[in-house]
Amino acid sequence: MNMSELSEFTITLTIRESTLVEKPTGAGDLPGMHHSYRLDDRNYLQWAQLVRTFLNDRGKINHLTTSPPKDSDSTFTAWDVEDSLIMAWLWSAMQPKVSKNFMFLSLAKEIWEIVRQTYSKVEDASMIFEIKSKIGGTKQGQLTVTEYYNRVRGLWLELDHYQDIKMVCSEDATTLNRIFERDDC
């Protein structure tokens, strides 16, 4: 590799399990994305939180939430370059078998929305049942109190996400209590 090729890459040294690994990172990588967090068929909730946090930290969350400026807008060119980078980040933050389904979309917002529709499972009765079953079946066993608390708390947070209950008035508390009573939570 000559000097000009070398200057195109940032070498990130990662120490993992006492092994030094040399990893080139380019503009297409979501910086800091560990391979185990890449979107697969089962980890949308964690993946989406990581991506939102990353983009929000860089002031780029609007690419997932707002429409692009018009082509005639003076900010369009800069926005389009950023959106292309964010699209590359999103694709690189997915397992290849997942990303190939979103490669031909033309905006980061489109990718984000279709991934959400495909994987979020909000209000999915089978997911809600599965999580409630996990909560009911979770026992402390050999876990420390802290480990047990964290496991159960994580399941409750996940359940909250999938149930997608939005409270807007005092009547909502009554409704929520009826849901808990009905489900014997």
Protein backbone atom coordinates (compact mmCIF):
# COMPACT_ATOMS: atom_id res chain seq x y z
CA MET A 1 0.00 0.00 0.00
CA ASN A 2 1.50 3.36 -1.01
CA MET A 3 1.27 6.58 1.03
CA SER A 4 -1.74 7.95 -0.85
CA GLU A 5 -3.70 4.74 -0.31
CA LEU A 6 -2.65 4.71 3.32
CA SER A 7 -3.89 8.25 3.86
CA GLU A 8 -7.37 7.17 2.74
CA PHE A 9 -7.75 4.88 5.72
CA THR A 10 -7.80 5.51 9.40
CA ILE A 11 -6.27 2.64 11.24
CA THR A 12 -8.14 1.79 14.39
CA LEU A 13 -6.37 -0.43 16.83
CA THR A 14 -8.69 -2.44 18.99
CA ILE A 15 -7.60 -4.52 21.92
CA ARG A 16 -9.96 -7.43 22.28
CA GLU A 17 -9.33 -10.42 24.50
CA SER A 18 -5.62 -9.57 24.68
CA THR A 19 -5.35 -9.63 20.90
CA LEU A 20 -4.36 -6.58 18.90
CA VAL A 21 -6.55 -6.28 15.82
CA GLU A 22 -5.91 -3.81 13.01
CA LYS A 23 -9.14 -2.64 11.42
CA PRO A 24 -9.43 -0.08 8.61
CA THR A 25 -12.46 2.14 8.89
CA GLY A 26 -13.75 4.14 5.99
CA ALA A 27 -16.49 6.68 5.47
CA GLY A 28 -19.01 3.87 5.01
CA ASP A 29 -18.60 2.42 8.51
CA LEU A 30 -20.76 3.44 11.44
CA PRO A 31 -17.94 4.37 13.83
CA GLY A 32 -17.94 2.29 16.97
CA MET A 33 -20.42 -0.29 15.64
CA HIS A 34 -19.37 -3.67 16.99
CA HIS A 35 -20.35 -6.55 14.67
CA SER A 36 -22.59 -8.11 17.33
CA TYR A 37 -24.82 -5.00 17.26
CA ARG A 38 -25.39 -5.06 13.51
CA LEU A 39 -29.08 -5.41 12.64
CA ASP A 40 -30.22 -8.99 12.22
CA ASP A 41 -33.64 -10.64 12.51
CA ARG A 42 -33.75 -10.34 16.30
CA ASN A 43 -32.12 -7.15 17.59
CA TYR A 44 -34.00 -4.21 16.06
CA LEU A 45 -34.79 -2.52 19.37
CA GLN A 46 -31.15 -2.33 20.50
CA TRP A 47 -29.89 -1.53 17.00
CA ALA A 48 -32.35 1.33 16.51
CA GLN A 49 -31.43 2.85 19.88
CA LEU A 50 -27.72 2.69 19.06
CA VAL A 51 -28.19 4.27 15.61
CA ARG A 52 -30.49 7.03 16.93
CA THR A 53 -28.02 7.86 19.69
CA PHE A 54 -25.08 7.90 17.29
CA LEU A 55 -26.82 10.18 14.76
CA ASN A 56 -28.27 12.45 17.44
CA ASP A 57 -24.78 12.89 18.91
CA ARG A 58 -23.57 14.10 15.51
CA GLY A 59 -26.57 16.36 14.87
CA LYS A 60 -27.76 14.16 11.98
CA ILE A 61 -30.95 12.62 13.43
CA ASN A 62 -33.02 14.88 11.17
CA HIS A 63 -32.04 12.66 8.23
CA LEU A 64 -34.22 9.93 9.77
CA THR A 65 -37.10 12.14 10.84
CA THR A 66 -37.61 14.96 8.33
CA SER A 67 -38.08 15.29 4.60
CA PRO A 68 -35.12 16.46 2.49
CA PRO A 69 -34.85 20.03 1.26
CA LYS A 70 -36.03 20.69 -2.28
CA ASP A 71 -33.48 20.25 -5.09
CA SER A 72 -33.59 24.02 -5.66
CA ASP A 73 -32.75 24.79 -2.02
CA SER A 74 -29.21 26.11 -1.50
CA THR A 75 -28.65 23.55 1.29
CA PHE A 76 -29.65 20.55 -0.84
CA THR A 77 -26.18 19.59 -2.10
CA ALA A 78 -24.62 19.53 1.38
CA TRP A 79 -27.66 17.71 2.75
CA ASP A 80 -27.50 15.13 -0.07
CA VAL A 81 -23.83 14.38 0.65
CA GLU A 82 -24.61 13.89 4.35
CA ASP A 83 -27.62 11.71 3.54
CA SER A 84 -25.47 9.48 1.33
CA LEU A 85 -23.00 9.05 4.18
CA ILE A 86 -25.81 8.20 6.60
CA MET A 87 -27.22 5.67 4.14
CA ALA A 88 -23.80 4.01 3.96
CA TRP A 89 -23.63 4.01 7.78
CA LEU A 90 -27.06 2.39 8.02
CA TRP A 91 -26.16 -0.31 5.51
CA SER A 92 -22.87 -1.05 7.24
CA ALA A 93 -24.72 -1.30 10.56
CA MET A 94 -26.73 -4.26 9.23
CA GLN A 95 -25.88 -7.87 8.58
CA PRO A 96 -25.35 -8.34 4.80
CA LYS A 97 -28.44 -10.57 4.52
CA VAL A 98 -30.49 -7.67 5.94
CA SER A 99 -28.85 -4.71 4.18
CA LYS A 100 -29.30 -6.18 0.71
CA ASN A 101 -33.06 -5.63 1.10
CA PHE A 102 -32.58 -1.88 1.51
CA MET A 103 -29.78 -1.12 -0.97
CA PHE A 104 -31.93 0.43 -3.65
CA LEU A 105 -33.72 2.99 -1.51
CA SER A 106 -32.67 6.56 -2.17
CA LEU A 107 -32.92 8.32 1.22
CA ALA A 108 -31.75 7.50 4.74
CA LYS A 109 -35.28 8.31 5.96
CA GLU A 110 -36.74 5.69 3.59
CA ILE A 111 -34.28 3.07 4.82
CA TRP A 112 -35.06 3.93 8.45
CA GLU A 113 -38.84 3.78 7.98
CA ILE A 114 -38.91 0.52 6.03
CA VAL A 115 -36.51 -1.14 8.47
CA ARG A 116 -38.78 0.01 11.31
CA GLN A 117 -41.88 -1.35 9.55
CA THR A 118 -40.12 -4.64 8.87
CA TYR A 119 -38.45 -5.30 12.22
CA SER A 120 -39.90 -3.18 15.04
CA LYS A 121 -42.80 -5.53 15.98
CA VAL A 122 -44.48 -2.79 18.04
CA GLU A 123 -47.86 -4.05 19.24
CA ASP A 124 -47.02 -7.56 17.97
CA ALA A 125 -49.10 -9.85 20.19
CA SER A 126 -46.70 -12.78 19.86
CA MET A 127 -43.72 -10.63 20.95
CA ILE A 128 -45.69 -9.25 23.88
CA PHE A 129 -46.69 -12.78 24.93
CA GLU A 130 -43.09 -14.01 24.57
CA ILE A 131 -41.71 -11.20 26.74
CA LYS A 132 -44.44 -11.66 29.38
CA SER A 133 -43.59 -15.36 29.47
CA LYS A 134 -39.92 -14.53 29.96
CA ILE A 135 -40.81 -12.14 32.79
CA GLY A 136 -42.97 -14.77 34.48
CA GLY A 137 -40.33 -17.46 34.05
CA THR A 138 -37.37 -15.42 35.20
CA LYS A 139 -35.98 -16.67 38.50
CA GLN A 140 -33.05 -15.35 40.47
CA GLY A 141 -31.40 -18.78 40.80
CA GLN A 142 -27.63 -18.31 40.82
CA LEU A 143 -27.83 -14.67 39.70
CA THR A 144 -26.83 -11.89 42.06
CA VAL A 145 -29.61 -9.52 43.06
CA THR A 146 -28.19 -6.91 40.69
CA GLU A 147 -28.00 -9.33 37.76
CA TYR A 148 -31.55 -10.53 38.43
CA TYR A 149 -32.87 -6.96 38.76
CA ASN A 150 -31.17 -5.91 35.51
CA ARG A 151 -32.54 -8.90 33.62
CA VAL A 152 -36.12 -8.33 34.79
CA ARG A 153 -35.90 -4.55 34.33
CA GLY A 154 -34.60 -5.04 30.77
CA LEU A 155 -37.55 -7.31 29.98
CA TRP A 156 -40.01 -4.76 31.39
CA LEU A 157 -38.43 -1.98 29.30
CA GLU A 158 -38.67 -4.19 26.23
CA LEU A 159 -42.31 -4.96 27.02
CA ASP A 160 -43.04 -1.23 27.37
CA HIS A 161 -41.60 -0.70 23.89
CA TYR A 162 -43.68 -3.42 22.28
CA GLN A 163 -46.92 -2.48 24.03
CA ASP A 164 -46.47 1.14 22.90
CA ILE A 165 -48.79 2.58 25.54
CA LYS A 166 -48.98 6.36 25.39
CA MET A 167 -50.49 8.02 28.47
CA VAL A 168 -52.11 11.41 27.82
CA CYS A 169 -54.58 11.91 30.69
CA SER A 170 -55.66 10.55 34.06
CA GLU A 171 -58.08 8.13 32.39
CA ASP A 172 -55.06 6.41 30.89
CA ALA A 173 -53.93 5.26 34.35
CA THR A 174 -57.31 3.56 34.80
CA THR A 175 -56.98 1.89 31.40
CA LEU A 176 -53.46 0.73 32.21
CA ASN A 177 -54.61 -0.73 35.52
CA ARG A 178 -57.34 -2.68 33.69
CA ILE A 179 -54.71 -4.05 31.28
CA PHE A 180 -52.52 -5.16 34.20
CA GLU A 181 -55.46 -6.74 36.01
CA ARG A 182 -56.58 -8.55 32.85
CA ASP A 183 -53.06 -9.86 32.19
CA ASP A 184 -52.36 -10.66 35.85
CA CYS A 185 -49.08 -8.72 35.72
